[in-house]
């Protein structure tokens, strides 16, 4: 069975290699979505592939690095 967990974050960036007058050259922000997909058997003892809370907790350190940060510095 395939399951997925969507996690969102907000972050800013700029595109320094576009022409000077391009609007994306300036600092601006976006809402991003990361989709984590797992494919595996359903554990018969608990009835699911993985606990969604465990997926969220595993991603938490990366989320902390990305959320409300400047992506050009990461």
C-alpha atoms as a PDB file:
ATOM      1  CA  UNK A   1       0.000   0.000   0.000  1.00  0.00           C
ATOM      2  CA  UNK A   2       1.207   3.486  -0.842  1.00  0.00           C
ATOM      3  CA  UNK A   3       0.603   6.368   1.588  1.00  0.00           C
ATOM      4  CA  UNK A   4       1.738   9.972   1.613  1.00  0.00           C
ATOM      5  CA  UNK A   5       2.019  12.889   4.001  1.00  0.00           C
ATOM      6  CA  UNK A   6       1.977  16.490   2.740  1.00  0.00           C
ATOM      7  CA  UNK A   7       3.918  19.049   4.756  1.00  0.00           C
ATOM      8  CA  UNK A   8       3.951  22.753   3.956  1.00  0.00           C
ATOM      9  CA  UNK A   9       6.405  25.499   4.751  1.00  0.00           C
ATOM     10  CA  UNK A  10       6.969  29.162   3.946  1.00  0.00           C
ATOM     11  CA  UNK A  11      10.321  30.424   2.742  1.00  0.00           C
ATOM     12  CA  UNK A  12      11.979  33.247   0.818  1.00  0.00           C
ATOM     13  CA  UNK A  13      14.500  33.218  -1.995  1.00  0.00           C
ATOM     14  CA  UNK A  14      15.732  35.230  -4.942  1.00  0.00           C
ATOM     15  CA  UNK A  15      16.984  34.311  -8.402  1.00  0.00           C
ATOM     16  CA  UNK A  16      20.292  36.150  -8.803  1.00  0.00           C
ATOM     17  CA  UNK A  17      20.990  34.842 -12.343  1.00  0.00           C
ATOM     18  CA  UNK A  18      17.921  36.305 -14.068  1.00  0.00           C
ATOM     19  CA  UNK A  19      18.062  39.762 -15.741  1.00  0.00           C
ATOM     20  CA  UNK A  20      18.302  42.791 -13.427  1.00  0.00           C
ATOM     21  CA  UNK A  21      14.748  43.911 -14.208  1.00  0.00           C
ATOM     22  CA  UNK A  22      13.135  40.490 -13.627  1.00  0.00           C
ATOM     23  CA  UNK A  23      10.707  40.546 -10.678  1.00  0.00           C
ATOM     24  CA  UNK A  24      12.070  37.256  -9.262  1.00  0.00           C
ATOM     25  CA  UNK A  25      15.546  38.719  -8.899  1.00  0.00           C
ATOM     26  CA  UNK A  26      14.256  40.566  -5.825  1.00  0.00           C
ATOM     27  CA  UNK A  27      13.770  38.752  -2.542  1.00  0.00           C
ATOM     28  CA  UNK A  28      10.323  37.140  -2.434  1.00  0.00           C
ATOM     29  CA  UNK A  29       8.553  34.291  -0.690  1.00  0.00           C
ATOM     30  CA  UNK A  30       6.464  31.250  -1.515  1.00  0.00           C
ATOM     31  CA  UNK A  31       4.404  28.580   0.138  1.00  0.00           C
ATOM     32  CA  UNK A  32       5.984  25.188  -0.534  1.00  0.00           C
ATOM     33  CA  UNK A  33       4.619  21.658  -0.211  1.00  0.00           C
ATOM     34  CA  UNK A  34       6.712  18.550   0.352  1.00  0.00           C
ATOM     35  CA  UNK A  35       5.048  15.197  -0.272  1.00  0.00           C
ATOM     36  CA  UNK A  36       6.620  12.238   1.531  1.00  0.00           C
ATOM     37  CA  UNK A  37       5.510   8.925   0.001  1.00  0.00           C
ATOM     38  CA  UNK A  38       5.915   5.501   1.579  1.00  0.00           C
ATOM     39  CA  UNK A  39       5.149   2.197  -0.071  1.00  0.00           C
ATOM     40  CA  UNK A  40       4.977  -0.935   2.035  1.00  0.00           C
ATOM     41  CA  UNK A  41       2.822  -3.630   3.526  1.00  0.00           C
ATOM     42  CA  UNK A  42       0.124  -2.893   6.081  1.00  0.00           C
ATOM     43  CA  UNK A  43       1.343  -4.040   9.488  1.00  0.00           C
ATOM     44  CA  UNK A  44      -1.365  -6.463  10.606  1.00  0.00           C
ATOM     45  CA  UNK A  45      -0.858  -5.738  14.297  1.00  0.00           C
ATOM     46  CA  UNK A  46      -1.520  -1.982  13.985  1.00  0.00           C
ATOM     47  CA  UNK A  47      -3.452  -1.806  10.697  1.00  0.00           C
ATOM     48  CA  UNK A  48      -1.354   0.742   8.830  1.00  0.00           C
ATOM     49  CA  UNK A  49       1.863   1.159   6.855  1.00  0.00           C
ATOM     50  CA  UNK A  50       3.332   3.858   9.111  1.00  0.00           C
ATOM     51  CA  UNK A  51       2.048   6.294  11.704  1.00  0.00           C
ATOM     52  CA  UNK A  52       1.663   9.739  10.096  1.00  0.00           C
ATOM     53  CA  UNK A  53       2.959  11.320  13.314  1.00  0.00           C
ATOM     54  CA  UNK A  54       6.199   9.349  12.904  1.00  0.00           C
ATOM     55  CA  UNK A  55       6.566  10.635   9.341  1.00  0.00           C
ATOM     56  CA  UNK A  56       6.028  14.218  10.502  1.00  0.00           C
ATOM     57  CA  UNK A  57       8.518  13.783  13.357  1.00  0.00           C
ATOM     58  CA  UNK A  58      11.153  12.305  11.022  1.00  0.00           C
ATOM     59  CA  UNK A  59      10.842  15.339   8.730  1.00  0.00           C
ATOM     60  CA  UNK A  60      10.790  17.873  11.599  1.00  0.00           C
ATOM     61  CA  UNK A  61      14.543  18.721  11.568  1.00  0.00           C
ATOM     62  CA  UNK A  62      14.411  19.476   7.823  1.00  0.00           C
ATOM     63  CA  UNK A  63      11.193  21.449   8.253  1.00  0.00           C
ATOM     64  CA  UNK A  64      12.882  23.545  10.937  1.00  0.00           C
ATOM     65  CA  UNK A  65      15.731  24.354   8.526  1.00  0.00           C
ATOM     66  CA  UNK A  66      13.364  25.368   5.701  1.00  0.00           C
ATOM     67  CA  UNK A  67      10.347  27.025   7.311  1.00  0.00           C
ATOM     68  CA  UNK A  68      10.503  30.839   7.360  1.00  0.00           C
ATOM     69  CA  UNK A  69      14.093  30.876   6.186  1.00  0.00           C
ATOM     70  CA  UNK A  70      16.081  32.248   3.237  1.00  0.00           C
ATOM     71  CA  UNK A  71      16.611  29.345   0.832  1.00  0.00           C
ATOM     72  CA  UNK A  72      19.592  30.917  -0.949  1.00  0.00           C
ATOM     73  CA  UNK A  73      21.597  30.494   2.251  1.00  0.00           C
ATOM     74  CA  UNK A  74      20.739  26.815   2.738  1.00  0.00           C
END
